[in-house]
């Protein structure tokens, strides 16, 4: 992916990665050699950024085909032979802490760190 080969929109898209642009370029090289080596998210990203050489899950009219997400998932029911017990002791305390943590506000700050530092 040479900078001179990219359109203005593609350059703007890549600039969003800042110090990690080298990593995105490395992934794009992998994508060009074998698209199955990169994750589906990167395949979708490179499908948008690339000049349309690959299909990447799009149908003929350009719309993405996404499998439907199940909206009504039933919880498993206990079998007749299952013995039901109340959770007590340390596992009960863990469950209480998990339920209490749902009320804690989520942090909204972000830090952008180059991949090399990780």
PDB file of N, CA and C in Angstrom:
ATOM      1  N   UNK A   1       0.854  -1.148   0.000  1.00  0.00           N
ATOM      2  CA  UNK A   1       0.000   0.000   0.000  1.00  0.00           C
ATOM      3  C   UNK A   1       0.909   1.222   0.000  1.00  0.00           C
ATOM      4  N   UNK A   2       1.135   1.788  -1.148  1.00  0.00           N
ATOM      5  CA  UNK A   2       1.978   2.962  -1.279  1.00  0.00           C
ATOM      6  C   UNK A   2       1.125   4.206  -1.100  1.00  0.00           C
ATOM      7  N   UNK A   3       1.714   5.193  -0.458  1.00  0.00           N
ATOM      8  CA  UNK A   3       0.991   6.431  -0.196  1.00  0.00           C
ATOM      9  C   UNK A   3       0.561   7.107  -1.490  1.00  0.00           C
ATOM     10  N   UNK A   4       1.373   6.985  -2.523  1.00  0.00           N
ATOM     11  CA  UNK A   4       1.042   7.637  -3.789  1.00  0.00           C
ATOM     12  C   UNK A   4      -0.131   6.973  -4.503  1.00  0.00           C
ATOM     13  N   UNK A   5      -0.412   5.707  -4.185  1.00  0.00           N
ATOM     14  CA  UNK A   5      -1.500   4.975  -4.819  1.00  0.00           C
ATOM     15  C   UNK A   5      -2.856   5.225  -4.162  1.00  0.00           C
ATOM     16  N   UNK A   6      -2.868   5.905  -3.014  1.00  0.00           N
ATOM     17  CA  UNK A   6      -4.103   6.074  -2.255  1.00  0.00           C
ATOM     18  C   UNK A   6      -4.829   7.354  -2.638  1.00  0.00           C
ATOM     19  N   UNK A   7      -6.143   7.298  -2.536  1.00  0.00           N
ATOM     20  CA  UNK A   7      -6.945   8.494  -2.751  1.00  0.00           C
ATOM     21  C   UNK A   7      -6.923   9.352  -1.488  1.00  0.00           C
ATOM     22  N   UNK A   8      -7.457  10.555  -1.574  1.00  0.00           N
ATOM     23  CA  UNK A   8      -7.494  11.444  -0.416  1.00  0.00           C
ATOM     24  C   UNK A   8      -8.308  10.825   0.726  1.00  0.00           C
ATOM     25  N   UNK A   9      -9.437  10.215   0.401  1.00  0.00           N
ATOM     26  CA  UNK A   9     -10.290   9.586   1.423  1.00  0.00           C
ATOM     27  C   UNK A   9      -9.567   8.418   2.089  1.00  0.00           C
ATOM     28  N   UNK A  10      -8.833   7.640   1.301  1.00  0.00           N
ATOM     29  CA  UNK A  10      -8.100   6.511   1.859  1.00  0.00           C
ATOM     30  C   UNK A  10      -6.978   6.996   2.774  1.00  0.00           C
ATOM     31  N   UNK A  11      -6.291   8.070   2.381  1.00  0.00           N
ATOM     32  CA  UNK A  11      -5.235   8.624   3.235  1.00  0.00           C
ATOM     33  C   UNK A  11      -5.808   9.120   4.551  1.00  0.00           C
ATOM     34  N   UNK A  12      -6.971   9.788   4.491  1.00  0.00           N
ATOM     35  CA  UNK A  12      -7.613  10.283   5.715  1.00  0.00           C
ATOM     36  C   UNK A  12      -8.003   9.130   6.632  1.00  0.00           C
ATOM     37  N   UNK A  13      -8.462   8.040   6.040  1.00  0.00           N
ATOM     38  CA  UNK A  13      -8.851   6.870   6.832  1.00  0.00           C
ATOM     39  C   UNK A  13      -7.633   6.288   7.552  1.00  0.00           C
ATOM     40  N   UNK A  14      -6.498   6.207   6.864  1.00  0.00           N
ATOM     41  CA  UNK A  14      -5.285   5.657   7.463  1.00  0.00           C
ATOM     42  C   UNK A  14      -4.683   6.591   8.507  1.00  0.00           C
ATOM     43  N   UNK A  15      -4.852   7.900   8.349  1.00  0.00           N
ATOM     44  CA  UNK A  15      -4.302   8.854   9.301  1.00  0.00           C
ATOM     45  C   UNK A  15      -4.944   8.713  10.680  1.00  0.00           C
ATOM     46  N   UNK A  16      -6.107   8.109  10.742  1.00  0.00           N
ATOM     47  CA  UNK A  16      -6.788   7.903  12.021  1.00  0.00           C
ATOM     48  C   UNK A  16      -5.983   6.989  12.943  1.00  0.00           C
ATOM     49  N   UNK A  17      -5.091   6.171  12.373  1.00  0.00           N
ATOM     50  CA  UNK A  17      -4.311   5.233  13.177  1.00  0.00           C
ATOM     51  C   UNK A  17      -3.056   5.859  13.757  1.00  0.00           C
ATOM     52  N   UNK A  18      -2.715   7.054  13.347  1.00  0.00           N
ATOM     53  CA  UNK A  18      -1.593   7.791  13.915  1.00  0.00           C
ATOM     54  C   UNK A  18      -0.304   7.005  13.891  1.00  0.00           C
ATOM     55  N   UNK A  19       0.286   6.787  15.074  1.00  0.00           N
ATOM     56  CA  UNK A  19       1.572   6.105  15.190  1.00  0.00           C
ATOM     57  C   UNK A  19       1.485   4.635  14.807  1.00  0.00           C
ATOM     58  N   UNK A  20       0.281   4.095  14.707  1.00  0.00           N
ATOM     59  CA  UNK A  20       0.121   2.674  14.384  1.00  0.00           C
ATOM     60  C   UNK A  20      -0.109   2.425  12.897  1.00  0.00           C
ATOM     61  N   UNK A  21       0.096   3.433  12.069  1.00  0.00           N
ATOM     62  CA  UNK A  21      -0.109   3.274  10.634  1.00  0.00           C
ATOM     63  C   UNK A  21       0.766   2.172  10.066  1.00  0.00           C
ATOM     64  N   UNK A  22       1.989   2.032  10.604  1.00  0.00           N
ATOM     65  CA  UNK A  22       2.896   0.982  10.117  1.00  0.00           C
ATOM     66  C   UNK A  22       2.270  -0.394  10.320  1.00  0.00           C
ATOM     67  N   UNK A  23       1.556  -0.579  11.443  1.00  0.00           N
ATOM     68  CA  UNK A  23       0.934  -1.869  11.731  1.00  0.00           C
ATOM     69  C   UNK A  23      -0.199  -2.149  10.747  1.00  0.00           C
ATOM     70  N   UNK A  24      -0.964  -1.116  10.432  1.00  0.00           N
ATOM     71  CA  UNK A  24      -2.059  -1.258   9.472  1.00  0.00           C
ATOM     72  C   UNK A  24      -1.499  -1.589   8.094  1.00  0.00           C
ATOM     73  N   UNK A  25      -0.398  -0.954   7.727  1.00  0.00           N
ATOM     74  CA  UNK A  25       0.235  -1.253   6.446  1.00  0.00           C
ATOM     75  C   UNK A  25       0.743  -2.695   6.400  1.00  0.00           C
ATOM     76  N   UNK A  26       1.282  -3.161   7.530  1.00  0.00           N
ATOM     77  CA  UNK A  26       1.736  -4.556   7.626  1.00  0.00           C
ATOM     78  C   UNK A  26       0.551  -5.513   7.441  1.00  0.00           C
ATOM     79  N   UNK A  27      -0.571  -5.218   8.096  1.00  0.00           N
ATOM     80  CA  UNK A  27      -1.759  -6.055   7.952  1.00  0.00           C
ATOM     81  C   UNK A  27      -2.304  -6.009   6.530  1.00  0.00           C
ATOM     82  N   UNK A  28      -2.231  -4.844   5.891  1.00  0.00           N
ATOM     83  CA  UNK A  28      -2.718  -4.725   4.519  1.00  0.00           C
ATOM     84  C   UNK A  28      -1.882  -5.576   3.580  1.00  0.00           C
ATOM     85  N   UNK A  29      -0.578  -5.625   3.823  1.00  0.00           N
ATOM     86  CA  UNK A  29       0.291  -6.473   3.000  1.00  0.00           C
ATOM     87  C   UNK A  29      -0.117  -7.942   3.163  1.00  0.00           C
ATOM     88  N   UNK A  30      -0.375  -8.351   4.404  1.00  0.00           N
ATOM     89  CA  UNK A  30      -0.858  -9.720   4.653  1.00  0.00           C
ATOM     90  C   UNK A  30      -2.182  -9.951   3.936  1.00  0.00           C
ATOM     91  N   UNK A  31      -3.064  -8.958   3.987  1.00  0.00           N
ATOM     92  CA  UNK A  31      -4.380  -9.054   3.365  1.00  0.00           C
ATOM     93  C   UNK A  31      -4.256  -9.239   1.855  1.00  0.00           C
ATOM     94  N   UNK A  32      -3.343  -8.512   1.234  1.00  0.00           N
ATOM     95  CA  UNK A  32      -3.166  -8.643  -0.210  1.00  0.00           C
ATOM     96  C   UNK A  32      -2.644 -10.014  -0.599  1.00  0.00           C
ATOM     97  N   UNK A  33      -1.764 -10.590   0.251  1.00  0.00           N
ATOM     98  CA  UNK A  33      -1.202 -11.910  -0.038  1.00  0.00           C
ATOM     99  C   UNK A  33      -2.214 -13.019   0.210  1.00  0.00           C
ATOM    100  N   UNK A  34      -2.894 -12.947   1.348  1.00  0.00           N
ATOM    101  CA  UNK A  34      -3.895 -13.959   1.697  1.00  0.00           C
ATOM    102  C   UNK A  34      -4.919 -13.326   2.640  1.00  0.00           C
ATOM    103  N   UNK A  35      -6.082 -12.944   2.131  1.00  0.00           N
ATOM    104  CA  UNK A  35      -7.078 -12.251   2.965  1.00  0.00           C
ATOM    105  C   UNK A  35      -7.536 -13.057   4.181  1.00  0.00           C
ATOM    106  N   UNK A  36      -7.435 -14.378   4.135  1.00  0.00           N
ATOM    107  CA  UNK A  36      -7.899 -15.193   5.259  1.00  0.00           C
ATOM    108  C   UNK A  36      -6.960 -15.127   6.454  1.00  0.00           C
ATOM    109  N   UNK A  37      -5.762 -14.566   6.287  1.00  0.00           N
ATOM    110  CA  UNK A  37      -4.802 -14.473   7.392  1.00  0.00           C
ATOM    111  C   UNK A  37      -5.151 -13.354   8.369  1.00  0.00           C
ATOM    112  N   UNK A  38      -5.919 -12.369   7.925  1.00  0.00           N
ATOM    113  CA  UNK A  38      -6.287 -11.274   8.820  1.00  0.00           C
ATOM    114  C   UNK A  38      -7.711 -11.491   9.315  1.00  0.00           C
ATOM    115  N   UNK A  39      -8.039 -10.845  10.419  1.00  0.00           N
ATOM    116  CA  UNK A  39      -9.368 -11.035  11.004  1.00  0.00           C
ATOM    117  C   UNK A  39     -10.443 -10.436  10.102  1.00  0.00           C
ATOM    118  N   UNK A  40     -11.684 -10.804  10.373  1.00  0.00           N
ATOM    119  CA  UNK A  40     -12.816 -10.349   9.557  1.00  0.00           C
ATOM    120  C   UNK A  40     -12.975  -8.831   9.612  1.00  0.00           C
ATOM    121  N   UNK A  41     -12.689  -8.221  10.771  1.00  0.00           N
ATOM    122  CA  UNK A  41     -12.792  -6.774  10.894  1.00  0.00           C
ATOM    123  C   UNK A  41     -11.815  -6.084   9.948  1.00  0.00           C
ATOM    124  N   UNK A  42     -10.589  -6.605   9.895  1.00  0.00           N
ATOM    125  CA  UNK A  42      -9.600  -6.009   9.000  1.00  0.00           C
ATOM    126  C   UNK A  42      -9.948  -6.291   7.551  1.00  0.00           C
ATOM    127  N   UNK A  43     -10.520  -7.433   7.268  1.00  0.00           N
ATOM    128  CA  UNK A  43     -10.941  -7.720   5.890  1.00  0.00           C
ATOM    129  C   UNK A  43     -11.991  -6.702   5.451  1.00  0.00           C
ATOM    130  N   UNK A  44     -12.940  -6.402   6.341  1.00  0.00           N
ATOM    131  CA  UNK A  44     -13.972  -5.408   6.027  1.00  0.00           C
ATOM    132  C   UNK A  44     -13.354  -4.026   5.840  1.00  0.00           C
ATOM    133  N   UNK A  45     -12.407  -3.674   6.718  1.00  0.00           N
ATOM    134  CA  UNK A  45     -11.760  -2.367   6.629  1.00  0.00           C
ATOM    135  C   UNK A  45     -10.998  -2.239   5.310  1.00  0.00           C
ATOM    136  N   UNK A  46     -10.201  -3.242   4.993  1.00  0.00           N
ATOM    137  CA  UNK A  46      -9.408  -3.176   3.773  1.00  0.00           C
ATOM    138  C   UNK A  46     -10.287  -3.279   2.535  1.00  0.00           C
ATOM    139  N   UNK A  47     -11.434  -3.924   2.665  1.00  0.00           N
ATOM    140  CA  UNK A  47     -12.372  -3.964   1.550  1.00  0.00           C
ATOM    141  C   UNK A  47     -12.903  -2.576   1.236  1.00  0.00           C
ATOM    142  N   UNK A  48     -13.096  -1.748   2.270  1.00  0.00           N
ATOM    143  CA  UNK A  48     -13.565  -0.378   2.071  1.00  0.00           C
ATOM    144  C   UNK A  48     -12.445   0.519   1.561  1.00  0.00           C
ATOM    145  N   UNK A  49     -11.227   0.342   2.116  1.00  0.00           N
ATOM    146  CA  UNK A  49     -10.102   1.198   1.764  1.00  0.00           C
ATOM    147  C   UNK A  49      -9.531   0.834   0.401  1.00  0.00           C
ATOM    148  N   UNK A  50      -9.524  -0.461   0.075  1.00  0.00           N
ATOM    149  CA  UNK A  50      -8.962  -0.899  -1.197  1.00  0.00           C
ATOM    150  C   UNK A  50      -9.825  -0.399  -2.349  1.00  0.00           C
ATOM    151  N   UNK A  51      -9.320  -0.549  -3.521  1.00  0.00           N
ATOM    152  CA  UNK A  51     -10.030  -0.026  -4.695  1.00  0.00           C
ATOM    153  C   UNK A  51     -11.118  -0.956  -5.181  1.00  0.00           C
ATOM    154  N   UNK A  52     -11.549  -1.881  -4.361  1.00  0.00           N
ATOM    155  CA  UNK A  52     -12.645  -2.764  -4.724  1.00  0.00           C
ATOM    156  C   UNK A  52     -12.191  -4.001  -5.468  1.00  0.00           C
ATOM    157  N   UNK A  53     -10.957  -4.436  -5.245  1.00  0.00           N
ATOM    158  CA  UNK A  53     -10.452  -5.617  -5.940  1.00  0.00           C
ATOM    159  C   UNK A  53     -11.107  -6.891  -5.431  1.00  0.00           C
ATOM    160  N   UNK A  54     -11.486  -6.886  -4.143  1.00  0.00           N
ATOM    161  CA  UNK A  54     -12.034  -8.098  -3.542  1.00  0.00           C
ATOM    162  C   UNK A  54     -13.474  -7.867  -3.151  1.00  0.00           C
ATOM    163  N   UNK A  55     -14.207  -8.974  -2.977  1.00  0.00           N
ATOM    164  CA  UNK A  55     -15.626  -8.906  -2.680  1.00  0.00           C
ATOM    165  C   UNK A  55     -15.877  -8.675  -1.198  1.00  0.00           C
ATOM    166  N   UNK A  56     -15.213  -9.416  -0.324  1.00  0.00           N
ATOM    167  CA  UNK A  56     -15.311  -9.257   1.123  1.00  0.00           C
ATOM    168  C   UNK A  56     -16.717  -9.249   1.687  1.00  0.00           C
ATOM    169  N   UNK A  57     -17.529 -10.194   1.302  1.00  0.00           N
ATOM    170  CA  UNK A  57     -18.853 -10.344   1.887  1.00  0.00           C
ATOM    171  C   UNK A  57     -19.909  -9.456   1.290  1.00  0.00           C
ATOM    172  N   UNK A  58     -19.611  -8.746   0.267  1.00  0.00           N
ATOM    173  CA  UNK A  58     -20.620  -7.911  -0.368  1.00  0.00           C
ATOM    174  C   UNK A  58     -21.332  -8.713  -1.442  1.00  0.00           C
ATOM    175  N   UNK A  59     -22.603  -8.448  -1.638  1.00  0.00           N
ATOM    176  CA  UNK A  59     -23.309  -9.108  -2.731  1.00  0.00           C
ATOM    177  C   UNK A  59     -23.163  -8.263  -3.985  1.00  0.00           C
ATOM    178  N   UNK A  60     -23.810  -8.617  -5.053  1.00  0.00           N
ATOM    179  CA  UNK A  60     -23.612  -7.968  -6.341  1.00  0.00           C
ATOM    180  C   UNK A  60     -23.983  -6.493  -6.348  1.00  0.00           C
ATOM    181  N   UNK A  61     -24.954  -6.086  -5.546  1.00  0.00           N
ATOM    182  CA  UNK A  61     -25.356  -4.681  -5.571  1.00  0.00           C
ATOM    183  C   UNK A  61     -24.579  -3.837  -4.557  1.00  0.00           C
ATOM    184  N   UNK A  62     -23.533  -4.392  -3.954  1.00  0.00           N
ATOM    185  CA  UNK A  62     -22.648  -3.635  -3.074  1.00  0.00           C
ATOM    186  C   UNK A  62     -23.064  -3.610  -1.624  1.00  0.00           C
ATOM    187  N   UNK A  63     -24.226  -4.150  -1.288  1.00  0.00           N
ATOM    188  CA  UNK A  63     -24.665  -4.158   0.101  1.00  0.00           C
ATOM    189  C   UNK A  63     -24.060  -5.354   0.815  1.00  0.00           C
ATOM    190  N   UNK A  64     -23.689  -5.130   2.074  1.00  0.00           N
ATOM    191  CA  UNK A  64     -23.108  -6.218   2.857  1.00  0.00           C
ATOM    192  C   UNK A  64     -24.188  -7.199   3.280  1.00  0.00           C
ATOM    193  N   UNK A  65     -23.837  -8.473   3.247  1.00  0.00           N
ATOM    194  CA  UNK A  65     -24.754  -9.489   3.734  1.00  0.00           C
ATOM    195  C   UNK A  65     -24.303  -9.872   5.135  1.00  0.00           C
ATOM    196  N   UNK A  66     -25.147  -9.606   6.116  1.00  0.00           N
ATOM    197  CA  UNK A  66     -24.830  -9.880   7.506  1.00  0.00           C
ATOM    198  C   UNK A  66     -25.806 -10.925   8.011  1.00  0.00           C
ATOM    199  N   UNK A  67     -25.284 -11.992   8.645  1.00  0.00           N
ATOM    200  CA  UNK A  67     -26.209 -12.992   9.168  1.00  0.00           C
ATOM    201  C   UNK A  67     -27.081 -12.369  10.262  1.00  0.00           C
ATOM    202  N   UNK A  68     -28.328 -12.769  10.358  1.00  0.00           N
ATOM    203  CA  UNK A  68     -29.217 -12.186  11.364  1.00  0.00           C
ATOM    204  C   UNK A  68     -28.748 -12.530  12.779  1.00  0.00           C
ATOM    205  N   UNK A  69     -28.900 -11.564  13.659  1.00  0.00           N
ATOM    206  CA  UNK A  69     -28.517 -11.752  15.056  1.00  0.00           C
ATOM    207  C   UNK A  69     -29.724 -12.284  15.831  1.00  0.00           C
ATOM    208  N   UNK A  70     -29.564 -13.385  16.570  1.00  0.00           N
ATOM    209  CA  UNK A  70     -30.712 -13.904  17.313  1.00  0.00           C
ATOM    210  C   UNK A  70     -31.136 -12.920  18.393  1.00  0.00           C
ATOM    211  N   UNK A  71     -32.417 -12.621  18.451  1.00  0.00           N
ATOM    212  CA  UNK A  71     -32.908 -11.646  19.418  1.00  0.00           C
ATOM    213  C   UNK A  71     -33.518 -12.297  20.650  1.00  0.00           C
ATOM    214  N   UNK A  72     -33.999 -13.511  20.524  1.00  0.00           N
ATOM    215  CA  UNK A  72     -34.642 -14.164  21.647  1.00  0.00           C
ATOM    216  C   UNK A  72     -33.899 -15.464  21.947  1.00  0.00           C
ATOM    217  N   UNK A  73     -32.961 -15.395  22.875  1.00  0.00           N
ATOM    218  CA  UNK A  73     -32.175 -16.575  23.246  1.00  0.00           C
ATOM    219  C   UNK A  73     -32.715 -17.110  24.562  1.00  0.00           C
ATOM    220  N   UNK A  74     -33.084 -18.360  24.570  1.00  0.00           N
ATOM    221  CA  UNK A  74     -33.621 -18.954  25.790  1.00  0.00           C
ATOM    222  C   UNK A  74     -32.485 -19.475  26.665  1.00  0.00           C
ATOM    223  N   UNK A  75     -32.627 -19.237  27.945  1.00  0.00           N
ATOM    224  CA  UNK A  75     -31.654 -19.751  28.903  1.00  0.00           C
ATOM    225  C   UNK A  75     -31.871 -21.254  29.053  1.00  0.00           C
ATOM    226  N   UNK A  76     -30.809 -22.011  29.299  1.00  0.00           N
ATOM    227  CA  UNK A  76     -30.977 -23.455  29.463  1.00  0.00           C
ATOM    228  C   UNK A  76     -31.778 -23.771  30.724  1.00  0.00           C
ATOM    229  N   UNK A  77     -32.639 -24.735  30.618  1.00  0.00           N
ATOM    230  CA  UNK A  77     -33.456 -25.169  31.746  1.00  0.00           C
ATOM    231  C   UNK A  77     -32.770 -26.355  32.428  1.00  0.00           C
ATOM    232  N   UNK A  78     -32.900 -26.476  33.763  1.00  0.00           N
ATOM    233  CA  UNK A  78     -32.311 -27.628  34.435  1.00  0.00           C
ATOM    234  C   UNK A  78     -33.047 -28.923  34.069  1.00  0.00           C
ATOM    235  N   UNK A  79     -32.301 -29.988  34.024  1.00  0.00           N
ATOM    236  CA  UNK A  79     -32.882 -31.301  33.736  1.00  0.00           C
ATOM    237  C   UNK A  79     -33.550 -31.829  35.008  1.00  0.00           C
ATOM    238  N   UNK A  80     -34.389 -32.816  34.852  1.00  0.00           N
ATOM    239  CA  UNK A  80     -35.084 -33.383  36.018  1.00  0.00           C
ATOM    240  C   UNK A  80     -34.112 -33.981  37.029  1.00  0.00           C
ATOM    241  N   UNK A  81     -33.039 -34.604  36.517  1.00  0.00           N
ATOM    242  CA  UNK A  81     -32.085 -35.257  37.417  1.00  0.00           C
ATOM    243  C   UNK A  81     -31.078 -34.293  38.033  1.00  0.00           C
ATOM    244  N   UNK A  82     -31.102 -33.019  37.611  1.00  0.00           N
ATOM    245  CA  UNK A  82     -30.185 -32.029  38.172  1.00  0.00           C
ATOM    246  C   UNK A  82     -30.603 -31.683  39.601  1.00  0.00           C
ATOM    247  N   UNK A  83     -29.594 -31.530  40.457  1.00  0.00           N
ATOM    248  CA  UNK A  83     -29.833 -31.160  41.840  1.00  0.00           C
ATOM    249  C   UNK A  83     -29.572 -29.662  41.978  1.00  0.00           C
ATOM    250  N   UNK A  84     -30.601 -28.901  42.336  1.00  0.00           N
ATOM    251  CA  UNK A  84     -30.479 -27.459  42.468  1.00  0.00           C
ATOM    252  C   UNK A  84     -30.011 -27.095  43.863  1.00  0.00           C
ATOM    253  N   UNK A  85     -29.023 -26.184  43.927  1.00  0.00           N
ATOM    254  CA  UNK A  85     -28.493 -25.743  45.216  1.00  0.00           C
ATOM    255  C   UNK A  85     -28.319 -24.238  45.194  1.00  0.00           C
ATOM    256  N   UNK A  86     -28.439 -23.619  46.356  1.00  0.00           N
ATOM    257  CA  UNK A  86     -28.138 -22.204  46.475  1.00  0.00           C
ATOM    258  C   UNK A  86     -26.623 -22.021  46.464  1.00  0.00           C
ATOM    259  N   UNK A  87     -26.191 -20.959  45.858  1.00  0.00           N
ATOM    260  CA  UNK A  87     -24.754 -20.667  45.840  1.00  0.00           C
ATOM    261  C   UNK A  87     -24.416 -19.991  47.153  1.00  0.00           C
ATOM    262  N   UNK A  88     -23.396 -20.505  47.832  1.00  0.00           N
ATOM    263  CA  UNK A  88     -23.007 -19.979  49.136  1.00  0.00           C
ATOM    264  C   UNK A  88     -21.493 -19.836  49.195  1.00  0.00           C
ATOM    265  N   UNK A  89     -21.035 -19.115  50.229  1.00  0.00           N
ATOM    266  CA  UNK A  89     -19.602 -18.984  50.462  1.00  0.00           C
ATOM    267  C   UNK A  89     -18.952 -18.001  49.497  1.00  0.00           C
ATOM    268  N   UNK A  90     -17.711 -18.324  49.104  1.00  0.00           N
ATOM    269  CA  UNK A  90     -16.941 -17.448  48.217  1.00  0.00           C
ATOM    270  C   UNK A  90     -17.627 -17.234  46.865  1.00  0.00           C
ATOM    271  N   UNK A  91     -18.190 -18.281  46.225  1.00  0.00           N
ATOM    272  CA  UNK A  91     -18.882 -18.033  44.957  1.00  0.00           C
ATOM    273  C   UNK A  91     -20.054 -17.061  45.099  1.00  0.00           C
ATOM    274  N   UNK A  92     -20.761 -17.091  46.239  1.00  0.00           N
ATOM    275  CA  UNK A  92     -21.871 -16.166  46.455  1.00  0.00           C
ATOM    276  C   UNK A  92     -21.348 -14.732  46.552  1.00  0.00           C
ATOM    277  N   UNK A  93     -20.220 -14.544  47.219  1.00  0.00           N
ATOM    278  CA  UNK A  93     -19.627 -13.211  47.342  1.00  0.00           C
ATOM    279  C   UNK A  93     -19.187 -12.697  45.966  1.00  0.00           C
ATOM    280  N   UNK A  94     -18.634 -13.581  45.138  1.00  0.00           N
ATOM    281  CA  UNK A  94     -18.229 -13.201  43.781  1.00  0.00           C
ATOM    282  C   UNK A  94     -19.445 -12.743  42.985  1.00  0.00           C
ATOM    283  N   UNK A  95     -20.561 -13.480  43.090  1.00  0.00           N
ATOM    284  CA  UNK A  95     -21.785 -13.086  42.386  1.00  0.00           C
ATOM    285  C   UNK A  95     -22.307 -11.737  42.877  1.00  0.00           C
ATOM    286  N   UNK A  96     -22.259 -11.515  44.187  1.00  0.00           N
ATOM    287  CA  UNK A  96     -22.685 -10.217  44.726  1.00  0.00           C
ATOM    288  C   UNK A  96     -21.823  -9.090  44.168  1.00  0.00           C
ATOM    289  N   UNK A  97     -20.491  -9.308  44.150  1.00  0.00           N
ATOM    290  CA  UNK A  97     -19.588  -8.277  43.634  1.00  0.00           C
ATOM    291  C   UNK A  97     -19.836  -8.028  42.148  1.00  0.00           C
ATOM    292  N   UNK A  98     -20.117  -9.082  41.399  1.00  0.00           N
ATOM    293  CA  UNK A  98     -20.389  -8.916  39.973  1.00  0.00           C
ATOM    294  C   UNK A  98     -21.656  -8.088  39.765  1.00  0.00           C
ATOM    295  N   UNK A  99     -22.693  -8.380  40.531  1.00  0.00           N
ATOM    296  CA  UNK A  99     -23.946  -7.625  40.416  1.00  0.00           C
ATOM    297  C   UNK A  99     -23.764  -6.170  40.838  1.00  0.00           C
ATOM    298  N   UNK A 100     -22.977  -5.939  41.891  1.00  0.00           N
ATOM    299  CA  UNK A 100     -22.724  -4.569  42.341  1.00  0.00           C
ATOM    300  C   UNK A 100     -21.899  -3.802  41.316  1.00  0.00           C
ATOM    301  N   UNK A 101     -21.004  -4.484  40.606  1.00  0.00           N
ATOM    302  CA  UNK A 101     -20.154  -3.796  39.634  1.00  0.00           C
ATOM    303  C   UNK A 101     -20.956  -3.267  38.449  1.00  0.00           C
ATOM    304  N   UNK A 102     -22.145  -3.788  38.236  1.00  0.00           N
ATOM    305  CA  UNK A 102     -22.979  -3.308  37.140  1.00  0.00           C
ATOM    306  C   UNK A 102     -23.456  -1.878  37.374  1.00  0.00           C
ATOM    307  N   UNK A 103     -23.434  -1.431  38.641  1.00  0.00           N
ATOM    308  CA  UNK A 103     -23.884  -0.074  38.954  1.00  0.00           C
ATOM    309  C   UNK A 103     -22.751   0.945  38.873  1.00  0.00           C
ATOM    310  N   UNK A 104     -21.507   0.493  38.730  1.00  0.00           N
ATOM    311  CA  UNK A 104     -20.365   1.406  38.670  1.00  0.00           C
ATOM    312  C   UNK A 104     -20.305   2.020  37.275  1.00  0.00           C
ATOM    313  N   UNK A 105     -20.162   3.335  37.183  1.00  0.00           N
ATOM    314  CA  UNK A 105     -20.084   3.954  35.857  1.00  0.00           C
ATOM    315  C   UNK A 105     -18.820   3.507  35.122  1.00  0.00           C
ATOM    316  N   UNK A 106     -18.941   3.439  33.824  1.00  0.00           N
ATOM    317  CA  UNK A 106     -17.825   3.010  32.988  1.00  0.00           C
ATOM    318  C   UNK A 106     -16.956   4.218  32.661  1.00  0.00           C
ATOM    319  N   UNK A 107     -15.648   4.027  32.681  1.00  0.00           N
ATOM    320  CA  UNK A 107     -14.728   5.114  32.351  1.00  0.00           C
ATOM    321  C   UNK A 107     -14.916   5.527  30.895  1.00  0.00           C
ATOM    322  N   UNK A 108     -14.826   6.816  30.655  1.00  0.00           N
ATOM    323  CA  UNK A 108     -15.014   7.308  29.291  1.00  0.00           C
ATOM    324  C   UNK A 108     -13.738   7.881  28.698  1.00  0.00           C
ATOM    325  N   UNK A 109     -12.658   7.898  29.457  1.00  0.00           N
ATOM    326  CA  UNK A 109     -11.423   8.443  28.903  1.00  0.00           C
ATOM    327  C   UNK A 109     -10.707   7.366  28.092  1.00  0.00           C
ATOM    328  N   UNK A 110      -9.903   7.827  27.143  1.00  0.00           N
ATOM    329  CA  UNK A 110      -9.161   6.899  26.294  1.00  0.00           C
ATOM    330  C   UNK A 110      -7.726   7.378  26.182  1.00  0.00           C
ATOM    331  N   UNK A 111      -6.834   6.422  25.992  1.00  0.00           N
ATOM    332  CA  UNK A 111      -5.439   6.751  25.717  1.00  0.00           C
ATOM    333  C   UNK A 111      -5.054   6.062  24.431  1.00  0.00           C
ATOM    334  N   UNK A 112      -4.403   6.775  23.559  1.00  0.00           N
ATOM    335  CA  UNK A 112      -3.931   6.186  22.313  1.00  0.00           C
ATOM    336  C   UNK A 112      -2.460   5.885  22.495  1.00  0.00           C
ATOM    337  N   UNK A 113      -2.136   4.592  22.404  1.00  0.00           N
ATOM    338  CA  UNK A 113      -0.770   4.139  22.625  1.00  0.00           C
ATOM    339  C   UNK A 113      -0.306   3.416  21.366  1.00  0.00           C
ATOM    340  N   UNK A 114       0.888   3.747  20.877  1.00  0.00           N
ATOM    341  CA  UNK A 114       1.393   3.012  19.712  1.00  0.00           C
ATOM    342  C   UNK A 114       1.544   1.531  20.030  1.00  0.00           C
ATOM    343  N   UNK A 115       1.295   0.693  19.058  1.00  0.00           N
ATOM    344  CA  UNK A 115       1.354  -0.754  19.244  1.00  0.00           C
ATOM    345  C   UNK A 115       2.743  -1.178  19.696  1.00  0.00           C
ATOM    346  N   UNK A 116       3.772  -0.501  19.239  1.00  0.00           N
ATOM    347  CA  UNK A 116       5.140  -0.874  19.616  1.00  0.00           C
ATOM    348  C   UNK A 116       5.357  -0.820  21.120  1.00  0.00           C
ATOM    349  N   UNK A 117       4.655   0.084  21.808  1.00  0.00           N
ATOM    350  CA  UNK A 117       4.799   0.193  23.257  1.00  0.00           C
ATOM    351  C   UNK A 117       4.140  -0.957  23.995  1.00  0.00           C
ATOM    352  N   UNK A 118       3.160  -1.587  23.390  1.00  0.00           N
ATOM    353  CA  UNK A 118       2.460  -2.687  24.037  1.00  0.00           C
ATOM    354  C   UNK A 118       3.374  -3.883  24.069  1.00  0.00           C
TER     355      UNK A 118
END
